[in-house]
Amino acid sequence: MTLQTNVKVNLGLNVLRKREDGFHDIETLFLPCHEYSDVLEVIMGDDYSRTSASLFARYGEDQVAQAVDGKLMITIARKEGVDWAAEKDLCARAYSLLDKDFDLPPVPFAFR
């Protein structure tokens, strides 16, 4: 399954405080921007190695972050590079939180 994800622009951002969970409380005004989008691709486990390898080939090793922990396999590729750990990505964090309560099946993610 491949999805185009909507992009939003912060017209104003006020960081109020850091929370115990590592996130921040904010005040902001978002504006949708339909000219740009990310691509989220959720793939079957059998296809993960092939898809992951093609992202490395297309974007190069410096533009890809990857994490595999037994249940969650995630690969993130950006032509601008990835400057965060794949397991810290918001989708990976959401999966981990939901997995604690609902024992989710293994899921591979590929972002480009």
PDB file of N, CA and C in Angstrom:
ATOM      1  N   MET A   1       0.841  -1.158   0.000  1.00  0.00           N
ATOM      2  CA  MET A   1       0.000   0.000   0.000  1.00  0.00           C
ATOM      3  C   MET A   1       0.897   1.234   0.000  1.00  0.00           C
ATOM      4  N   THR A   2       0.658   2.141  -0.906  1.00  0.00           N
ATOM      5  CA  THR A   2       1.426   3.377  -1.006  1.00  0.00           C
ATOM      6  C   THR A   2       0.476   4.557  -0.879  1.00  0.00           C
ATOM      7  N   LEU A   3       0.833   5.502  -0.012  1.00  0.00           N
ATOM      8  CA  LEU A   3       0.008   6.673   0.236  1.00  0.00           C
ATOM      9  C   LEU A   3       0.817   7.945   0.059  1.00  0.00           C
ATOM     10  N   GLN A   4       0.200   8.958  -0.541  1.00  0.00           N
ATOM     11  CA  GLN A   4       0.767  10.312  -0.553  1.00  0.00           C
ATOM     12  C   GLN A   4       0.282  10.978   0.733  1.00  0.00           C
ATOM     13  N   THR A   5       1.190  11.456   1.558  1.00  0.00           N
ATOM     14  CA  THR A   5       0.785  12.083   2.812  1.00  0.00           C
ATOM     15  C   THR A   5       0.771  13.592   2.660  1.00  0.00           C
ATOM     16  N   ASN A   6      -0.184  14.235   3.290  1.00  0.00           N
ATOM     17  CA  ASN A   6      -0.304  15.683   3.215  1.00  0.00           C
ATOM     18  C   ASN A   6       0.832  16.368   3.974  1.00  0.00           C
ATOM     19  N   VAL A   7       1.254  17.494   3.456  1.00  0.00           N
ATOM     20  CA  VAL A   7       2.273  18.308   4.101  1.00  0.00           C
ATOM     21  C   VAL A   7       1.594  19.549   4.649  1.00  0.00           C
ATOM     22  N   LYS A   8       2.080  20.011   5.794  1.00  0.00           N
ATOM     23  CA  LYS A   8       1.545  21.240   6.376  1.00  0.00           C
ATOM     24  C   LYS A   8       2.710  22.157   6.713  1.00  0.00           C
ATOM     25  N   VAL A   9       2.423  23.447   6.706  1.00  0.00           N
ATOM     26  CA  VAL A   9       3.421  24.462   7.009  1.00  0.00           C
ATOM     27  C   VAL A   9       2.988  25.176   8.285  1.00  0.00           C
ATOM     28  N   ASN A  10       3.932  25.357   9.211  1.00  0.00           N
ATOM     29  CA  ASN A  10       3.645  26.129  10.417  1.00  0.00           C
ATOM     30  C   ASN A  10       3.727  27.605  10.076  1.00  0.00           C
ATOM     31  N   LEU A  11       2.623  28.325  10.185  1.00  0.00           N
ATOM     32  CA  LEU A  11       2.648  29.773   9.973  1.00  0.00           C
ATOM     33  C   LEU A  11       3.127  30.492  11.233  1.00  0.00           C
ATOM     34  N   GLY A  12       2.939  29.849  12.353  1.00  0.00           N
ATOM     35  CA  GLY A  12       3.416  30.380  13.618  1.00  0.00           C
ATOM     36  C   GLY A  12       3.641  29.221  14.562  1.00  0.00           C
ATOM     37  N   LEU A  13       4.659  29.310  15.393  1.00  0.00           N
ATOM     38  CA  LEU A  13       4.957  28.227  16.320  1.00  0.00           C
ATOM     39  C   LEU A  13       5.470  28.806  17.619  1.00  0.00           C
ATOM     40  N   ASN A  14       4.819  28.457  18.692  1.00  0.00           N
ATOM     41  CA  ASN A  14       5.240  28.868  20.018  1.00  0.00           C
ATOM     42  C   ASN A  14       5.404  27.601  20.852  1.00  0.00           C
ATOM     43  N   VAL A  15       6.643  27.276  21.242  1.00  0.00           N
ATOM     44  CA  VAL A  15       6.909  26.104  22.074  1.00  0.00           C
ATOM     45  C   VAL A  15       6.669  26.507  23.518  1.00  0.00           C
ATOM     46  N   LEU A  16       5.716  25.824  24.165  1.00  0.00           N
ATOM     47  CA  LEU A  16       5.330  26.193  25.515  1.00  0.00           C
ATOM     48  C   LEU A  16       6.203  25.522  26.575  1.00  0.00           C
ATOM     49  N   ARG A  17       6.344  24.201  26.486  1.00  0.00           N
ATOM     50  CA  ARG A  17       7.129  23.474  27.490  1.00  0.00           C
ATOM     51  C   ARG A  17       7.410  22.059  26.979  1.00  0.00           C
ATOM     52  N   LYS A  18       8.464  21.454  27.504  1.00  0.00           N
ATOM     53  CA  LYS A  18       8.792  20.066  27.190  1.00  0.00           C
ATOM     54  C   LYS A  18       8.052  19.162  28.167  1.00  0.00           C
ATOM     55  N   ARG A  19       7.445  18.105  27.630  1.00  0.00           N
ATOM     56  CA  ARG A  19       6.693  17.174  28.458  1.00  0.00           C
ATOM     57  C   ARG A  19       7.578  16.014  28.896  1.00  0.00           C
ATOM     58  N   GLU A  20       7.101  15.238  29.843  1.00  0.00           N
ATOM     59  CA  GLU A  20       7.860  14.094  30.341  1.00  0.00           C
ATOM     60  C   GLU A  20       8.083  13.027  29.274  1.00  0.00           C
ATOM     61  N   ASP A  21       7.194  12.947  28.274  1.00  0.00           N
ATOM     62  CA  ASP A  21       7.330  11.939  27.220  1.00  0.00           C
ATOM     63  C   ASP A  21       8.298  12.369  26.121  1.00  0.00           C
ATOM     64  N   GLY A  22       8.947  13.533  26.278  1.00  0.00           N
ATOM     65  CA  GLY A  22       9.931  13.995  25.297  1.00  0.00           C
ATOM     66  C   GLY A  22       9.355  14.910  24.234  1.00  0.00           C
ATOM     67  N   PHE A  23       8.034  14.966  24.112  1.00  0.00           N
ATOM     68  CA  PHE A  23       7.402  15.878  23.165  1.00  0.00           C
ATOM     69  C   PHE A  23       7.232  17.244  23.824  1.00  0.00           C
ATOM     70  N   HIS A  24       6.799  18.222  23.035  1.00  0.00           N
ATOM     71  CA  HIS A  24       6.579  19.574  23.554  1.00  0.00           C
ATOM     72  C   HIS A  24       5.126  19.977  23.376  1.00  0.00           C
ATOM     73  N   ASP A  25       4.596  20.723  24.322  1.00  0.00           N
ATOM     74  CA  ASP A  25       3.306  21.370  24.138  1.00  0.00           C
ATOM     75  C   ASP A  25       3.558  22.618  23.294  1.00  0.00           C
ATOM     76  N   ILE A  26       2.717  22.807  22.280  1.00  0.00           N
ATOM     77  CA  ILE A  26       2.926  23.941  21.371  1.00  0.00           C
ATOM     78  C   ILE A  26       1.617  24.659  21.083  1.00  0.00           C
ATOM     79  N   GLU A  27       1.733  25.888  20.642  1.00  0.00           N
ATOM     80  CA  GLU A  27       0.653  26.644  20.013  1.00  0.00           C
ATOM     81  C   GLU A  27       1.117  26.896  18.589  1.00  0.00           C
ATOM     82  N   THR A  28       0.263  26.590  17.616  1.00  0.00           N
ATOM     83  CA  THR A  28       0.679  26.742  16.232  1.00  0.00           C
ATOM     84  C   THR A  28      -0.527  26.982  15.328  1.00  0.00           C
ATOM     85  N   LEU A  29      -0.230  27.431  14.131  1.00  0.00           N
ATOM     86  CA  LEU A  29      -1.241  27.566  13.100  1.00  0.00           C
ATOM     87  C   LEU A  29      -0.694  26.870  11.856  1.00  0.00           C
ATOM     88  N   PHE A  30      -1.377  25.791  11.440  1.00  0.00           N
ATOM     89  CA  PHE A  30      -0.947  25.009  10.286  1.00  0.00           C
ATOM     90  C   PHE A  30      -1.704  25.443   9.034  1.00  0.00           C
ATOM     91  N   LEU A  31      -1.008  25.399   7.908  1.00  0.00           N
ATOM     92  CA  LEU A  31      -1.618  25.648   6.612  1.00  0.00           C
ATOM     93  C   LEU A  31      -1.310  24.455   5.719  1.00  0.00           C
ATOM     94  N   PRO A  32      -2.340  23.798   5.144  1.00  0.00           N
ATOM     95  CA  PRO A  32      -2.051  22.676   4.245  1.00  0.00           C
ATOM     96  C   PRO A  32      -1.311  23.160   2.997  1.00  0.00           C
ATOM     97  N   CYS A  33      -0.384  22.348   2.537  1.00  0.00           N
ATOM     98  CA  CYS A  33       0.400  22.675   1.342  1.00  0.00           C
ATOM     99  C   CYS A  33       0.319  21.471   0.405  1.00  0.00           C
ATOM    100  N   HIS A  34      -0.496  21.580  -0.639  1.00  0.00           N
ATOM    101  CA  HIS A  34      -0.760  20.450  -1.522  1.00  0.00           C
ATOM    102  C   HIS A  34       0.280  20.293  -2.638  1.00  0.00           C
ATOM    103  N   GLU A  35       1.205  21.238  -2.751  1.00  0.00           N
ATOM    104  CA  GLU A  35       2.231  21.148  -3.792  1.00  0.00           C
ATOM    105  C   GLU A  35       3.312  20.127  -3.449  1.00  0.00           C
ATOM    106  N   TYR A  36       3.441  19.795  -2.165  1.00  0.00           N
ATOM    107  CA  TYR A  36       4.482  18.865  -1.711  1.00  0.00           C
ATOM    108  C   TYR A  36       3.837  17.744  -0.912  1.00  0.00           C
ATOM    109  N   SER A  37       4.456  16.572  -0.951  1.00  0.00           N
ATOM    110  CA  SER A  37       3.946  15.454  -0.149  1.00  0.00           C
ATOM    111  C   SER A  37       5.081  14.465   0.105  1.00  0.00           C
ATOM    112  N   ASP A  38       4.879  13.648   1.115  1.00  0.00           N
ATOM    113  CA  ASP A  38       5.752  12.516   1.386  1.00  0.00           C
ATOM    114  C   ASP A  38       5.057  11.280   0.853  1.00  0.00           C
ATOM    115  N   VAL A  39       5.804  10.206   0.696  1.00  0.00           N
ATOM    116  CA  VAL A  39       5.235   8.942   0.271  1.00  0.00           C
ATOM    117  C   VAL A  39       5.436   7.947   1.406  1.00  0.00           C
ATOM    118  N   LEU A  40       4.368   7.338   1.868  1.00  0.00           N
ATOM    119  CA  LEU A  40       4.422   6.298   2.893  1.00  0.00           C
ATOM    120  C   LEU A  40       4.046   4.992   2.222  1.00  0.00           C
ATOM    121  N   GLU A  41       4.920   4.004   2.343  1.00  0.00           N
ATOM    122  CA  GLU A  41       4.662   2.712   1.721  1.00  0.00           C
ATOM    123  C   GLU A  41       4.738   1.642   2.803  1.00  0.00           C
ATOM    124  N   VAL A  42       3.645   0.917   3.005  1.00  0.00           N
ATOM    125  CA  VAL A  42       3.622  -0.221   3.913  1.00  0.00           C
ATOM    126  C   VAL A  42       3.657  -1.459   3.031  1.00  0.00           C
ATOM    127  N   ILE A  43       4.647  -2.326   3.273  1.00  0.00           N
ATOM    128  CA  ILE A  43       4.882  -3.460   2.379  1.00  0.00           C
ATOM    129  C   ILE A  43       4.856  -4.767   3.162  1.00  0.00           C
ATOM    130  N   MET A  44       4.652  -5.851   2.474  1.00  0.00           N
ATOM    131  CA  MET A  44       4.655  -7.169   3.095  1.00  0.00           C
ATOM    132  C   MET A  44       6.081  -7.539   3.483  1.00  0.00           C
ATOM    133  N   GLY A  45       6.220  -8.295   4.545  1.00  0.00           N
ATOM    134  CA  GLY A  45       7.530  -8.686   5.047  1.00  0.00           C
ATOM    135  C   GLY A  45       8.402  -9.359   4.005  1.00  0.00           C
ATOM    136  N   ASP A  46       7.802 -10.192   3.153  1.00  0.00           N
ATOM    137  CA  ASP A  46       8.576 -10.894   2.130  1.00  0.00           C
ATOM    138  C   ASP A  46       9.202  -9.931   1.124  1.00  0.00           C
ATOM    139  N   ASP A  47       8.569  -8.787   0.912  1.00  0.00           N
ATOM    140  CA  ASP A  47       9.063  -7.811  -0.051  1.00  0.00           C
ATOM    141  C   ASP A  47       9.969  -6.761   0.582  1.00  0.00           C
ATOM    142  N   TYR A  48      10.113  -6.787   1.904  1.00  0.00           N
ATOM    143  CA  TYR A  48      10.846  -5.728   2.602  1.00  0.00           C
ATOM    144  C   TYR A  48      12.304  -5.645   2.161  1.00  0.00           C
ATOM    145  N   SER A  49      12.996  -6.770   2.094  1.00  0.00           N
ATOM    146  CA  SER A  49      14.413  -6.749   1.731  1.00  0.00           C
ATOM    147  C   SER A  49      14.625  -6.152   0.349  1.00  0.00           C
ATOM    148  N   ARG A  50      13.787  -6.554  -0.605  1.00  0.00           N
ATOM    149  CA  ARG A  50      13.909  -6.037  -1.970  1.00  0.00           C
ATOM    150  C   ARG A  50      13.625  -4.533  -2.013  1.00  0.00           C
ATOM    151  N   THR A  51      12.552  -4.108  -1.340  1.00  0.00           N
ATOM    152  CA  THR A  51      12.203  -2.688  -1.327  1.00  0.00           C
ATOM    153  C   THR A  51      13.259  -1.872  -0.616  1.00  0.00           C
ATOM    154  N   SER A  52      13.733  -2.362   0.522  1.00  0.00           N
ATOM    155  CA  SER A  52      14.765  -1.663   1.274  1.00  0.00           C
ATOM    156  C   SER A  52      16.039  -1.524   0.440  1.00  0.00           C
ATOM    157  N   ALA A  53      16.433  -2.594  -0.230  1.00  0.00           N
ATOM    158  CA  ALA A  53      17.632  -2.557  -1.074  1.00  0.00           C
ATOM    159  C   ALA A  53      17.466  -1.553  -2.213  1.00  0.00           C
ATOM    160  N   SER A  54      16.263  -1.464  -2.780  1.00  0.00           N
ATOM    161  CA  SER A  54      16.060  -0.514  -3.882  1.00  0.00           C
ATOM    162  C   SER A  54      16.132   0.925  -3.377  1.00  0.00           C
ATOM    163  N   LEU A  55      15.682   1.192  -2.134  1.00  0.00           N
ATOM    164  CA  LEU A  55      15.803   2.538  -1.575  1.00  0.00           C
ATOM    165  C   LEU A  55      17.267   2.906  -1.356  1.00  0.00           C
ATOM    166  N   PHE A  56      18.062   1.961  -0.852  1.00  0.00           N
ATOM    167  CA  PHE A  56      19.496   2.211  -0.679  1.00  0.00           C
ATOM    168  C   PHE A  56      20.141   2.483  -2.035  1.00  0.00           C
ATOM    169  N   ALA A  57      19.767   1.711  -3.063  1.00  0.00           N
ATOM    170  CA  ALA A  57      20.347   1.900  -4.394  1.00  0.00           C
ATOM    171  C   ALA A  57      19.931   3.240  -4.996  1.00  0.00           C
ATOM    172  N   ARG A  58      18.685   3.628  -4.806  1.00  0.00           N
ATOM    173  CA  ARG A  58      18.173   4.864  -5.401  1.00  0.00           C
ATOM    174  C   ARG A  58      18.688   6.109  -4.686  1.00  0.00           C
ATOM    175  N   TYR A  59      18.728   6.082  -3.356  1.00  0.00           N
ATOM    176  CA  TYR A  59      19.056   7.289  -2.595  1.00  0.00           C
ATOM    177  C   TYR A  59      20.495   7.328  -2.087  1.00  0.00           C
ATOM    178  N   GLY A  60      21.152   6.189  -1.990  1.00  0.00           N
ATOM    179  CA  GLY A  60      22.503   6.150  -1.456  1.00  0.00           C
ATOM    180  C   GLY A  60      22.486   5.963   0.053  1.00  0.00           C
ATOM    181  N   GLU A  61      23.546   5.388   0.555  1.00  0.00           N
ATOM    182  CA  GLU A  61      23.615   5.030   1.973  1.00  0.00           C
ATOM    183  C   GLU A  61      23.486   6.235   2.909  1.00  0.00           C
ATOM    184  N   ASP A  62      23.986   7.399   2.498  1.00  0.00           N
ATOM    185  CA  ASP A  62      23.935   8.586   3.350  1.00  0.00           C
ATOM    186  C   ASP A  62      22.543   9.197   3.459  1.00  0.00           C
ATOM    187  N   GLN A  63      21.611   8.803   2.602  1.00  0.00           N
ATOM    188  CA  GLN A  63      20.269   9.375   2.608  1.00  0.00           C
ATOM    189  C   GLN A  63      19.225   8.415   3.164  1.00  0.00           C
ATOM    190  N   VAL A  64      19.670   7.317   3.777  1.00  0.00           N
ATOM    191  CA  VAL A  64      18.743   6.286   4.253  1.00  0.00           C
ATOM    192  C   VAL A  64      19.034   5.961   5.718  1.00  0.00           C
ATOM    193  N   ALA A  65      17.968   5.826   6.513  1.00  0.00           N
ATOM    194  CA  ALA A  65      18.074   5.347   7.891  1.00  0.00           C
ATOM    195  C   ALA A  65      17.234   4.085   7.996  1.00  0.00           C
ATOM    196  N   GLN A  66      17.722   3.115   8.767  1.00  0.00           N
ATOM    197  CA  GLN A  66      17.025   1.840   8.844  1.00  0.00           C
ATOM    198  C   GLN A  66      17.098   1.298  10.271  1.00  0.00           C
ATOM    199  N   ALA A  67      16.022   0.649  10.705  1.00  0.00           N
ATOM    200  CA  ALA A  67      15.980  -0.021  12.004  1.00  0.00           C
ATOM    201  C   ALA A  67      15.149  -1.288  11.870  1.00  0.00           C
ATOM    202  N   VAL A  68      15.617  -2.357  12.461  1.00  0.00           N
ATOM    203  CA  VAL A  68      14.892  -3.628  12.467  1.00  0.00           C
ATOM    204  C   VAL A  68      14.972  -4.163  13.891  1.00  0.00           C
ATOM    205  N   ASP A  69      13.801  -4.416  14.510  1.00  0.00           N
ATOM    206  CA  ASP A  69      13.822  -4.893  15.897  1.00  0.00           C
ATOM    207  C   ASP A  69      13.079  -6.210  16.113  1.00  0.00           C
ATOM    208  N   GLY A  70      12.766  -6.929  15.076  1.00  0.00           N
ATOM    209  CA  GLY A  70      12.058  -8.195  15.207  1.00  0.00           C
ATOM    210  C   GLY A  70      10.589  -8.090  14.828  1.00  0.00           C
ATOM    211  N   LYS A  71       9.926  -6.998  15.229  1.00  0.00           N
ATOM    212  CA  LYS A  71       8.531  -6.791  14.853  1.00  0.00           C
ATOM    213  C   LYS A  71       8.376  -5.639  13.888  1.00  0.00           C
ATOM    214  N   LEU A  72       9.136  -4.596  14.090  1.00  0.00           N
ATOM    215  CA  LEU A  72       9.028  -3.406  13.248  1.00  0.00           C
ATOM    216  C   LEU A  72      10.284  -3.280  12.399  1.00  0.00           C
ATOM    217  N   MET A  73      10.082  -3.234  11.099  1.00  0.00           N
ATOM    218  CA  MET A  73      11.176  -2.993  10.159  1.00  0.00           C
ATOM    219  C   MET A  73      10.865  -1.676   9.485  1.00  0.00           C
ATOM    220  N   ILE A  74      11.755  -0.709   9.586  1.00  0.00           N
ATOM    221  CA  ILE A  74      11.479   0.613   9.038  1.00  0.00           C
ATOM    222  C   ILE A  74      12.696   1.102   8.259  1.00  0.00           C
ATOM    223  N   THR A  75      12.442   1.615   7.071  1.00  0.00           N
ATOM    224  CA  THR A  75      13.466   2.236   6.246  1.00  0.00           C
ATOM    225  C   THR A  75      12.950   3.599   5.818  1.00  0.00           C
ATOM    226  N   ILE A  76      13.762   4.625   6.030  1.00  0.00           N
ATOM    227  CA  ILE A  76      13.394   5.994   5.664  1.00  0.00           C
ATOM    228  C   ILE A  76      14.433   6.495   4.678  1.00  0.00           C
ATOM    229  N   ALA A  77      13.992   7.004   3.543  1.00  0.00           N
ATOM    230  CA  ALA A  77      14.905   7.522   2.518  1.00  0.00           C
ATOM    231  C   ALA A  77      14.454   8.908   2.100  1.00  0.00           C
ATOM    232  N   ARG A  78      15.409   9.842   2.046  1.00  0.00           N
ATOM    233  CA  ARG A  78      15.133  11.209   1.590  1.00  0.00           C
ATOM    234  C   ARG A  78      16.331  11.689   0.791  1.00  0.00           C
ATOM    235  N   LYS A  79      16.075  12.380  -0.311  1.00  0.00           N
ATOM    236  CA  LYS A  79      17.196  12.894  -1.092  1.00  0.00           C
ATOM    237  C   LYS A  79      17.987  13.932  -0.307  1.00  0.00           C
ATOM    238  N   GLU A  80      17.356  14.566   0.697  1.00  0.00           N
ATOM    239  CA  GLU A  80      18.056  15.532   1.553  1.00  0.00           C
ATOM    240  C   GLU A  80      18.825  14.837   2.662  1.00  0.00           C
ATOM    241  N   GLY A  81      18.667  13.533   2.818  1.00  0.00           N
ATOM    242  CA  GLY A  81      19.305  12.782   3.888  1.00  0.00           C
ATOM    243  C   GLY A  81      18.369  12.633   5.080  1.00  0.00           C
ATOM    244  N   VAL A  82      18.679  11.704   5.934  1.00  0.00           N
ATOM    245  CA  VAL A  82      17.902  11.436   7.140  1.00  0.00           C
ATOM    246  C   VAL A  82      18.812  11.701   8.325  1.00  0.00           C
ATOM    247  N   ASP A  83      18.447  12.678   9.150  1.00  0.00           N
ATOM    248  CA  ASP A  83      19.318  13.045  10.269  1.00  0.00           C
ATOM    249  C   ASP A  83      18.723  12.643  11.616  1.00  0.00           C
ATOM    250  N   TRP A  84      17.908  11.574  11.612  1.00  0.00           N
ATOM    251  CA  TRP A  84      17.379  11.035  12.861  1.00  0.00           C
ATOM    252  C   TRP A  84      17.396   9.517  12.766  1.00  0.00           C
ATOM    253  N   ALA A  85      17.387   8.864  13.932  1.00  0.00           N
ATOM    254  CA  ALA A  85      17.363   7.405  13.974  1.00  0.00           C
ATOM    255  C   ALA A  85      15.990   6.908  13.547  1.00  0.00           C
ATOM    256  N   ALA A  86      15.959   5.903  12.706  1.00  0.00           N
ATOM    257  CA  ALA A  86      14.692   5.392  12.173  1.00  0.00           C
ATOM    258  C   ALA A  86      13.735   4.960  13.282  1.00  0.00           C
ATOM    259  N   GLU A  87      14.254   4.365  14.351  1.00  0.00           N
ATOM    260  CA  GLU A  87      13.371   3.912  15.428  1.00  0.00           C
ATOM    261  C   GLU A  87      12.773   5.075  16.229  1.00  0.00           C
ATOM    262  N   LYS A  88      13.290   6.288  16.036  1.00  0.00           N
ATOM    263  CA  LYS A  88      12.744   7.480  16.692  1.00  0.00           C
ATOM    264  C   LYS A  88      11.716   8.194  15.824  1.00  0.00           C
ATOM    265  N   ASP A  89      11.492   7.703  14.594  1.00  0.00           N
ATOM    266  CA  ASP A  89      10.514   8.311  13.710  1.00  0.00           C
ATOM    267  C   ASP A  89       9.129   8.221  14.338  1.00  0.00           C
ATOM    268  N   LEU A  90       8.291   9.208  14.075  1.00  0.00           N
ATOM    269  CA  LEU A  90       6.968   9.269  14.683  1.00  0.00           C
ATOM    270  C   LEU A  90       6.131   8.022  14.388  1.00  0.00           C
ATOM    271  N   CYS A  91       6.202   7.484  13.174  1.00  0.00           N
ATOM    272  CA  CYS A  91       5.446   6.269  12.850  1.00  0.00           C
ATOM    273  C   CYS A  91       5.943   5.080  13.669  1.00  0.00           C
ATOM    274  N   ALA A  92       7.250   4.972  13.840  1.00  0.00           N
ATOM    275  CA  ALA A  92       7.814   3.881  14.635  1.00  0.00           C
ATOM    276  C   ALA A  92       7.417   4.021  16.102  1.00  0.00           C
ATOM    277  N   ARG A  93       7.444   5.230  16.609  1.00  0.00           N
ATOM    278  CA  ARG A  93       7.050   5.457  17.996  1.00  0.00           C
ATOM    279  C   ARG A  93       5.570   5.153  18.206  1.00  0.00           C
ATOM    280  N   ALA A  94       4.724   5.549  17.250  1.00  0.00           N
ATOM    281  CA  ALA A  94       3.288   5.261  17.350  1.00  0.00           C
ATOM    282  C   ALA A  94       3.042   3.751  17.325  1.00  0.00           C
ATOM    283  N   TYR A  95       3.737   3.045  16.428  1.00  0.00           N
ATOM    284  CA  TYR A  95       3.603   1.588  16.353  1.00  0.00           C
ATOM    285  C   TYR A  95       3.977   0.960  17.694  1.00  0.00           C
ATOM    286  N   SER A  96       5.099   1.376  18.271  1.00  0.00           N
ATOM    287  CA  SER A  96       5.566   0.798  19.531  1.00  0.00           C
ATOM    288  C   SER A  96       4.568   1.033  20.666  1.00  0.00           C
ATOM    289  N   LEU A  97       4.003   2.232  20.732  1.00  0.00           N
ATOM    290  CA  LEU A  97       3.013   2.525  21.776  1.00  0.00           C
ATOM    291  C   LEU A  97       1.748   1.678  21.603  1.00  0.00           C
ATOM    292  N   LEU A  98       1.257   1.577  20.370  1.00  0.00           N
ATOM    293  CA  LEU A  98       0.061   0.771  20.117  1.00  0.00           C
ATOM    294  C   LEU A  98       0.324  -0.718  20.340  1.00  0.00           C
ATOM    295  N   ASP A  99       1.537  -1.174  20.016  1.00  0.00           N
ATOM    296  CA  ASP A  99       1.893  -2.579  20.181  1.00  0.00           C
ATOM    297  C   ASP A  99       1.838  -3.006  21.646  1.00  0.00           C
ATOM    298  N   LYS A 100       2.166  -2.098  22.569  1.00  0.00           N
ATOM    299  CA  LYS A 100       2.115  -2.427  23.999  1.00  0.00           C
ATOM    300  C   LYS A 100       0.702  -2.806  24.432  1.00  0.00           C
ATOM    301  N   ASP A 101      -0.303  -2.131  23.884  1.00  0.00           N
ATOM    302  CA  ASP A 101      -1.692  -2.389  24.276  1.00  0.00           C
ATOM    303  C   ASP A 101      -2.403  -3.417  23.408  1.00  0.00           C
ATOM    304  N   PHE A 102      -1.994  -3.551  22.148  1.00  0.00           N
ATOM    305  CA  PHE A 102      -2.767  -4.365  21.217  1.00  0.00           C
ATOM    306  C   PHE A 102      -1.988  -5.506  20.576  1.00  0.00           C
ATOM    307  N   ASP A 103      -0.739  -5.728  20.956  1.00  0.00           N
ATOM    308  CA  ASP A 103       0.079  -6.813  20.404  1.00  0.00           C
ATOM    309  C   ASP A 103      -0.051  -6.888  18.878  1.00  0.00           C
ATOM    310  N   LEU A 104       0.384  -5.833  18.213  1.00  0.00           N
ATOM    311  CA  LEU A 104       0.273  -5.727  16.758  1.00  0.00           C
ATOM    312  C   LEU A 104       1.133  -6.777  16.057  1.00  0.00           C
ATOM    313  N   PRO A 105       0.755  -7.158  14.837  1.00  0.00           N
ATOM    314  CA  PRO A 105       1.591  -8.075  14.057  1.00  0.00           C
ATOM    315  C   PRO A 105       2.835  -7.334  13.564  1.00  0.00           C
ATOM    316  N   PRO A 106       3.877  -8.074  13.163  1.00  0.00           N
ATOM    317  CA  PRO A 106       5.061  -7.421  12.587  1.00  0.00           C
ATOM    318  C   PRO A 106       4.676  -6.578  11.379  1.00  0.00           C
ATOM    319  N   VAL A 107       5.302  -5.401  11.254  1.00  0.00           N
ATOM    320  CA  VAL A 107       4.976  -4.474  10.167  1.00  0.00           C
ATOM    321  C   VAL A 107       6.257  -3.885   9.599  1.00  0.00           C
ATOM    322  N   PRO A 108       6.437  -3.974   8.288  1.00  0.00           N
ATOM    323  CA  PRO A 108       7.547  -3.264   7.647  1.00  0.00           C
ATOM    324  C   PRO A 108       7.037  -1.930   7.079  1.00  0.00           C
ATOM    325  N   PHE A 109       7.802  -0.877   7.272  1.00  0.00           N
ATOM    326  CA  PHE A 109       7.503   0.441   6.722  1.00  0.00           C
ATOM    327  C   PHE A 109       8.650   0.869   5.818  1.00  0.00           C
ATOM    328  N   ALA A 110       8.333   1.539   4.753  1.00  0.00           N
ATOM    329  CA  ALA A 110       9.351   2.190   3.921  1.00  0.00           C
ATOM    330  C   ALA A 110       8.845   3.593   3.600  1.00  0.00           C
ATOM    331  N   PHE A 111       9.660   4.589   3.897  1.00  0.00           N
ATOM    332  CA  PHE A 111       9.311   5.980   3.618  1.00  0.00           C
ATOM    333  C   PHE A 111      10.265   6.500   2.557  1.00  0.00           C
ATOM    334  N   ARG A 112       9.732   7.281   1.623  1.00  0.00           N
ATOM    335  CA  ARG A 112      10.608   7.950   0.653  1.00  0.00           C
ATOM    336  C   ARG A 112      10.021   9.268   0.288  1.00  0.00           C
TER     337      ARG A 112
END
